[in-house]
């Protein structure tokens, strides 16, 4: 991730947490994660998150739809440019 530059279009694949409500039988528990694919503009990363925006203004002063994806849940990152 250190080689990614700000505003680079990327696809991030990651495993999200999930929950189910109501009564469940123990044998019906699913032990799979929820696989997510996000496409957006790389903003930055720190020691906990990769920050991704779905869009920005032409002067890049404002963004829309900020995602903070936990680093430990990321399975792959693909450059799209």
N, C-alpha and C. Protein backbone atom coordinates (compact mmCIF):
# COMPACT_ATOMS: atom_id res chain seq x y z
N UNK A 1 0.81 -1.19 0.00
CA UNK A 1 0.00 0.00 0.00
C UNK A 1 0.86 1.27 0.00
N UNK A 2 2.06 1.16 0.47
CA UNK A 2 2.93 2.32 0.53
C UNK A 2 3.19 2.90 -0.85
N UNK A 3 3.08 2.08 -1.90
CA UNK A 3 3.35 2.57 -3.25
C UNK A 3 2.13 3.25 -3.88
N UNK A 4 0.97 3.15 -3.28
CA UNK A 4 -0.23 3.79 -3.83
C UNK A 4 -0.14 5.29 -3.66
N UNK A 5 -0.56 6.00 -4.69
CA UNK A 5 -0.58 7.46 -4.65
C UNK A 5 -2.00 7.94 -4.45
N UNK A 6 -2.14 9.06 -3.75
CA UNK A 6 -3.44 9.66 -3.52
C UNK A 6 -4.19 9.85 -4.84
N UNK A 7 -5.48 9.56 -4.83
CA UNK A 7 -6.41 9.68 -5.96
C UNK A 7 -6.29 8.55 -6.98
N UNK A 8 -5.49 7.53 -6.71
CA UNK A 8 -5.38 6.39 -7.62
C UNK A 8 -6.67 5.58 -7.58
N UNK A 9 -7.29 5.28 -8.74
CA UNK A 9 -8.47 4.42 -8.75
C UNK A 9 -8.06 2.97 -8.45
N UNK A 10 -8.73 2.36 -7.47
CA UNK A 10 -8.41 0.98 -7.08
C UNK A 10 -9.69 0.18 -6.82
N UNK A 11 -9.53 -1.13 -6.84
CA UNK A 11 -10.57 -2.05 -6.39
C UNK A 11 -10.03 -2.73 -5.15
N UNK A 12 -10.79 -2.69 -4.07
CA UNK A 12 -10.40 -3.32 -2.81
C UNK A 12 -11.36 -4.46 -2.52
N UNK A 13 -10.83 -5.65 -2.34
CA UNK A 13 -11.62 -6.80 -1.92
C UNK A 13 -11.33 -7.05 -0.45
N UNK A 14 -12.38 -7.22 0.35
CA UNK A 14 -12.18 -7.39 1.78
C UNK A 14 -13.34 -8.17 2.40
N UNK A 15 -13.06 -8.73 3.56
CA UNK A 15 -14.05 -9.51 4.29
C UNK A 15 -14.64 -8.68 5.41
N UNK A 16 -15.93 -8.44 5.34
CA UNK A 16 -16.63 -7.63 6.33
C UNK A 16 -17.22 -8.53 7.41
N UNK A 17 -17.51 -7.94 8.54
CA UNK A 17 -18.24 -8.65 9.59
C UNK A 17 -19.71 -8.76 9.16
N UNK A 18 -20.45 -9.65 9.81
CA UNK A 18 -21.88 -9.77 9.52
C UNK A 18 -22.61 -10.15 10.79
N UNK A 19 -23.91 -10.00 10.76
CA UNK A 19 -24.74 -10.41 11.89
C UNK A 19 -26.07 -10.91 11.37
N UNK A 20 -26.73 -11.71 12.19
CA UNK A 20 -28.08 -12.17 11.89
C UNK A 20 -28.91 -11.95 13.14
N UNK A 21 -30.13 -11.52 12.96
CA UNK A 21 -31.00 -11.23 14.09
C UNK A 21 -31.99 -12.35 14.30
N UNK A 22 -32.50 -12.42 15.49
CA UNK A 22 -33.51 -13.41 15.82
C UNK A 22 -32.89 -14.70 16.32
N UNK A 23 -33.73 -15.65 16.66
CA UNK A 23 -33.28 -16.94 17.18
C UNK A 23 -32.70 -17.79 16.07
N UNK A 24 -31.55 -18.40 16.33
CA UNK A 24 -30.88 -19.28 15.38
C UNK A 24 -30.48 -20.57 16.07
N UNK A 25 -30.58 -21.65 15.36
CA UNK A 25 -30.06 -22.92 15.86
C UNK A 25 -28.54 -22.88 15.72
N UNK A 26 -27.83 -23.41 16.71
CA UNK A 26 -26.37 -23.39 16.70
C UNK A 26 -25.82 -24.03 15.42
N UNK A 27 -26.42 -25.13 14.97
CA UNK A 27 -25.90 -25.80 13.77
C UNK A 27 -26.13 -24.99 12.49
N UNK A 28 -26.94 -23.93 12.56
CA UNK A 28 -27.20 -23.10 11.39
C UNK A 28 -26.24 -21.91 11.28
N UNK A 29 -25.31 -21.80 12.22
CA UNK A 29 -24.36 -20.70 12.16
C UNK A 29 -23.49 -20.82 10.93
N UNK A 30 -23.34 -19.72 10.23
CA UNK A 30 -22.44 -19.68 9.08
C UNK A 30 -21.12 -19.11 9.56
N UNK A 31 -20.06 -19.78 9.28
CA UNK A 31 -18.76 -19.32 9.73
C UNK A 31 -17.99 -18.65 8.60
N UNK A 32 -18.73 -18.15 7.61
CA UNK A 32 -18.11 -17.44 6.49
C UNK A 32 -18.22 -15.94 6.72
N UNK A 33 -17.27 -15.23 6.21
CA UNK A 33 -17.34 -13.77 6.26
C UNK A 33 -18.15 -13.26 5.07
N UNK A 34 -18.43 -11.98 5.09
CA UNK A 34 -19.17 -11.33 4.02
C UNK A 34 -18.16 -10.66 3.10
N UNK A 35 -18.01 -11.17 1.88
CA UNK A 35 -17.01 -10.65 0.95
C UNK A 35 -17.53 -9.39 0.26
N UNK A 36 -16.70 -8.33 0.27
CA UNK A 36 -17.09 -7.03 -0.27
C UNK A 36 -16.08 -6.59 -1.32
N UNK A 37 -16.56 -5.94 -2.38
CA UNK A 37 -15.71 -5.36 -3.43
C UNK A 37 -16.06 -3.88 -3.51
N UNK A 38 -15.07 -3.03 -3.26
CA UNK A 38 -15.25 -1.58 -3.39
C UNK A 38 -14.34 -1.06 -4.49
N UNK A 39 -14.88 -0.15 -5.29
CA UNK A 39 -14.08 0.55 -6.29
C UNK A 39 -14.15 2.03 -5.93
N UNK A 40 -12.99 2.67 -5.89
CA UNK A 40 -12.97 4.08 -5.54
C UNK A 40 -11.59 4.68 -5.68
N UNK A 41 -11.43 5.85 -5.09
CA UNK A 41 -10.17 6.60 -5.17
C UNK A 41 -9.42 6.44 -3.86
N UNK A 42 -8.19 5.98 -3.95
CA UNK A 42 -7.35 5.83 -2.77
C UNK A 42 -7.02 7.20 -2.21
N UNK A 43 -7.23 7.38 -0.91
CA UNK A 43 -6.90 8.65 -0.26
C UNK A 43 -5.61 8.53 0.55
N UNK A 44 -5.59 7.56 1.47
CA UNK A 44 -4.41 7.32 2.30
C UNK A 44 -4.65 6.04 3.10
N UNK A 45 -3.64 5.62 3.83
CA UNK A 45 -3.79 4.53 4.79
C UNK A 45 -2.96 4.87 6.02
N UNK A 46 -3.36 4.31 7.14
CA UNK A 46 -2.60 4.46 8.37
C UNK A 46 -2.39 3.07 8.95
N UNK A 47 -2.09 2.96 10.22
CA UNK A 47 -1.82 1.64 10.78
C UNK A 47 -3.08 0.82 11.04
N UNK A 48 -4.26 1.38 10.77
CA UNK A 48 -5.52 0.65 11.00
C UNK A 48 -6.42 0.54 9.77
N UNK A 49 -6.44 1.58 8.92
CA UNK A 49 -7.42 1.64 7.83
C UNK A 49 -6.81 2.05 6.50
N UNK A 50 -7.46 1.62 5.43
CA UNK A 50 -7.26 2.16 4.09
C UNK A 50 -8.47 3.06 3.86
N UNK A 51 -8.23 4.29 3.42
CA UNK A 51 -9.31 5.26 3.21
C UNK A 51 -9.58 5.40 1.72
N UNK A 52 -10.84 5.24 1.35
CA UNK A 52 -11.27 5.20 -0.04
C UNK A 52 -12.47 6.13 -0.20
N UNK A 53 -12.51 6.89 -1.30
CA UNK A 53 -13.65 7.76 -1.61
C UNK A 53 -14.31 7.28 -2.90
N UNK A 54 -15.61 7.42 -2.98
CA UNK A 54 -16.31 7.05 -4.21
C UNK A 54 -16.28 8.14 -5.26
N UNK A 55 -16.00 9.36 -4.86
CA UNK A 55 -15.94 10.46 -5.82
C UNK A 55 -15.35 11.70 -5.17
N UNK A 56 -15.04 12.68 -6.03
CA UNK A 56 -14.49 13.94 -5.53
C UNK A 56 -14.88 15.06 -6.48
N UNK A 57 -14.76 16.30 -5.98
CA UNK A 57 -14.99 17.47 -6.83
C UNK A 57 -13.78 17.63 -7.76
N UNK A 58 -13.95 18.41 -8.81
CA UNK A 58 -12.88 18.55 -9.81
C UNK A 58 -11.60 19.15 -9.21
N UNK A 59 -11.73 19.96 -8.17
CA UNK A 59 -10.54 20.53 -7.53
C UNK A 59 -10.02 19.66 -6.38
N UNK A 60 -10.68 18.53 -6.15
CA UNK A 60 -10.32 17.56 -5.11
C UNK A 60 -10.37 18.14 -3.70
N UNK A 61 -11.17 19.18 -3.53
CA UNK A 61 -11.32 19.80 -2.22
C UNK A 61 -12.34 19.06 -1.35
N UNK A 62 -13.25 18.32 -1.99
CA UNK A 62 -14.29 17.59 -1.27
C UNK A 62 -14.45 16.20 -1.87
N UNK A 63 -14.81 15.26 -1.00
CA UNK A 63 -15.05 13.88 -1.45
C UNK A 63 -16.46 13.45 -1.07
N UNK A 64 -16.89 12.34 -1.65
CA UNK A 64 -18.17 11.75 -1.29
C UNK A 64 -17.97 10.28 -0.95
N UNK A 65 -18.79 9.80 -0.02
CA UNK A 65 -18.81 8.39 0.37
C UNK A 65 -17.44 7.88 0.81
N UNK A 66 -17.01 8.32 1.96
CA UNK A 66 -15.74 7.89 2.53
C UNK A 66 -15.86 6.49 3.13
N UNK A 67 -14.93 5.61 2.79
CA UNK A 67 -14.84 4.27 3.34
C UNK A 67 -13.54 4.17 4.13
N UNK A 68 -13.60 3.64 5.34
CA UNK A 68 -12.43 3.29 6.12
C UNK A 68 -12.43 1.78 6.25
N UNK A 69 -11.60 1.10 5.49
CA UNK A 69 -11.59 -0.37 5.46
C UNK A 69 -10.47 -0.87 6.36
N UNK A 70 -10.78 -1.69 7.38
CA UNK A 70 -9.74 -2.20 8.26
C UNK A 70 -8.69 -3.00 7.49
N UNK A 71 -7.43 -2.69 7.71
CA UNK A 71 -6.34 -3.34 6.96
C UNK A 71 -6.36 -4.85 7.11
N UNK A 72 -6.67 -5.35 8.29
CA UNK A 72 -6.67 -6.79 8.52
C UNK A 72 -7.75 -7.55 7.78
N UNK A 73 -8.73 -6.85 7.22
CA UNK A 73 -9.82 -7.49 6.49
C UNK A 73 -9.61 -7.47 4.98
N UNK A 74 -8.59 -6.76 4.50
CA UNK A 74 -8.33 -6.64 3.05
C UNK A 74 -7.69 -7.92 2.53
N UNK A 75 -8.27 -8.46 1.45
CA UNK A 75 -7.71 -9.67 0.82
C UNK A 75 -6.93 -9.34 -0.45
N UNK A 76 -7.30 -8.25 -1.14
CA UNK A 76 -6.54 -7.86 -2.34
C UNK A 76 -6.84 -6.42 -2.72
N UNK A 77 -5.89 -5.81 -3.42
CA UNK A 77 -6.04 -4.47 -3.97
C UNK A 77 -5.57 -4.51 -5.41
N UNK A 78 -6.38 -3.97 -6.31
CA UNK A 78 -6.05 -3.96 -7.74
C UNK A 78 -6.07 -2.53 -8.25
N UNK A 79 -5.01 -2.13 -8.95
CA UNK A 79 -4.97 -0.81 -9.59
C UNK A 79 -5.91 -0.80 -10.79
N UNK A 80 -6.62 0.30 -10.99
CA UNK A 80 -7.58 0.39 -12.09
C UNK A 80 -7.20 1.42 -13.15
N UNK A 81 -6.08 2.08 -13.01
CA UNK A 81 -5.72 3.11 -13.98
C UNK A 81 -4.87 2.60 -15.11
